[in-house]
Amino acid sequence: MTLPVLQAFSMWLAKQTAWTGGGITAPINESTPLDPLDCFDIEQASTAGWQPATGFTPNTDGVYNCGQTPVKLTGFPAPTQLSDVGKTLADLK
């Protein structure tokens, strides 16, 4: 992929106000990418593939759970270091 192609795709995506990724997500307004997502879906991996998670009942839009109050993270925890688990680079093989 060339830089002009990437830039063109980025400009096209930024104009999308109800992007669904071909139906794999609830509609997302890509023109305001920093806004929190309004809908989500909880899936569970099984030997038969991805299935709706057990014990979860969508409340608004078919399989999607919409209208939840978003949680804003104010930071991220420090990453785990090898030294945190008593290891060094020499222990990796």
Protein backbone atom coordinates (compact mmCIF):
# COMPACT_ATOMS: atom_id res chain seq x y z
CA MET A 1 0.00 0.00 0.00
CA THR A 2 1.38 3.38 -0.94
CA LEU A 3 1.15 6.56 1.12
CA PRO A 4 -1.32 8.21 -1.33
CA VAL A 5 -3.61 5.17 -1.11
CA LEU A 6 -3.43 5.20 2.69
CA GLN A 7 -4.17 8.93 2.78
CA ALA A 8 -7.13 8.53 0.41
CA PHE A 9 -8.57 5.70 2.50
CA SER A 10 -8.09 7.72 5.70
CA MET A 11 -9.90 10.71 4.18
CA TRP A 12 -12.77 8.48 3.00
CA LEU A 13 -13.05 6.80 6.40
CA ALA A 14 -13.06 10.16 8.22
CA LYS A 15 -16.23 11.11 6.30
CA GLN A 16 -18.15 8.00 7.35
CA THR A 17 -20.83 8.71 9.96
CA ALA A 18 -22.36 5.22 10.22
CA TRP A 19 -19.51 2.82 9.38
CA THR A 20 -20.24 -0.82 10.26
CA GLY A 21 -17.21 -2.60 8.82
CA GLY A 22 -19.51 -4.58 6.56
CA GLY A 23 -21.87 -5.45 9.41
CA ILE A 24 -19.36 -6.62 12.00
CA THR A 25 -19.90 -3.67 14.33
CA ALA A 26 -22.71 -1.38 15.35
CA PRO A 27 -22.63 1.88 13.34
CA ILE A 28 -19.63 4.04 14.29
CA ASN A 29 -19.25 7.74 13.50
CA GLU A 30 -15.70 7.88 12.14
CA SER A 31 -15.89 11.65 11.58
CA THR A 32 -15.42 12.05 15.36
CA PRO A 33 -12.95 9.23 16.15
CA LEU A 34 -12.22 10.32 19.72
CA ASP A 35 -15.84 10.00 20.82
CA PRO A 36 -16.50 6.86 22.88
CA LEU A 37 -18.33 4.03 21.13
CA ASP A 38 -22.01 3.84 21.98
CA CYS A 39 -22.59 0.13 21.27
CA PHE A 40 -20.76 -3.13 21.82
CA ASP A 41 -21.27 -6.87 21.51
CA ILE A 42 -20.00 -9.57 23.83
CA GLU A 43 -18.89 -12.78 22.11
CA GLN A 44 -17.58 -16.08 23.43
CA ALA A 45 -15.11 -18.37 21.65
CA SER A 46 -16.22 -21.98 21.28
CA THR A 47 -15.23 -25.01 19.23
CA ALA A 48 -18.06 -24.06 16.84
CA GLY A 49 -16.70 -20.51 16.39
CA TRP A 50 -17.75 -17.19 17.90
CA GLN A 51 -21.12 -17.26 19.66
CA PRO A 52 -23.04 -14.64 21.65
CA ALA A 53 -21.79 -14.80 25.24
CA THR A 54 -23.96 -16.79 27.64
CA GLY A 55 -25.79 -14.81 30.28
CA PHE A 56 -25.77 -11.67 28.15
CA THR A 57 -28.99 -10.12 26.91
CA PRO A 58 -28.72 -7.25 24.41
CA ASN A 59 -30.81 -4.35 25.56
CA THR A 60 -31.41 -2.21 22.50
CA ASP A 61 -30.28 -3.13 19.01
CA GLY A 62 -30.43 -6.84 18.21
CA VAL A 63 -27.06 -8.30 19.21
CA TYR A 64 -25.60 -4.95 20.26
CA ASN A 65 -25.77 -3.45 23.72
CA CYS A 66 -26.14 0.30 23.27
CA GLY A 67 -26.50 3.33 25.51
CA GLN A 68 -24.06 2.35 28.24
CA THR A 69 -22.18 5.10 30.04
CA PRO A 70 -18.60 4.98 28.74
CA VAL A 71 -15.70 4.66 31.14
CA LYS A 72 -12.83 7.03 30.39
CA LEU A 73 -9.38 5.75 31.25
CA THR A 74 -7.11 8.40 32.68
CA GLY A 75 -3.94 6.39 32.22
CA PHE A 76 -2.52 2.97 31.74
CA PRO A 77 -0.69 0.80 34.28
CA ALA A 78 3.02 0.33 33.84
CA PRO A 79 3.91 -2.65 31.62
CA THR A 80 5.11 -5.84 33.28
CA GLN A 81 8.87 -6.25 33.11
CA LEU A 82 10.81 -9.51 33.03
CA SER A 83 12.34 -8.51 36.35
CA ASP A 84 8.81 -8.39 37.85
CA VAL A 85 8.61 -12.16 37.41
CA GLY A 86 12.22 -12.92 38.33
CA LYS A 87 13.48 -13.30 34.75
CA THR A 88 16.03 -11.63 32.44
CA LEU A 89 16.61 -11.59 28.69
CA ALA A 90 19.07 -14.43 29.21
CA ASP A 91 16.16 -16.63 30.38
CA LEU A 92 14.41 -16.31 27.00
CA LYS A 93 15.20 -19.01 24.48
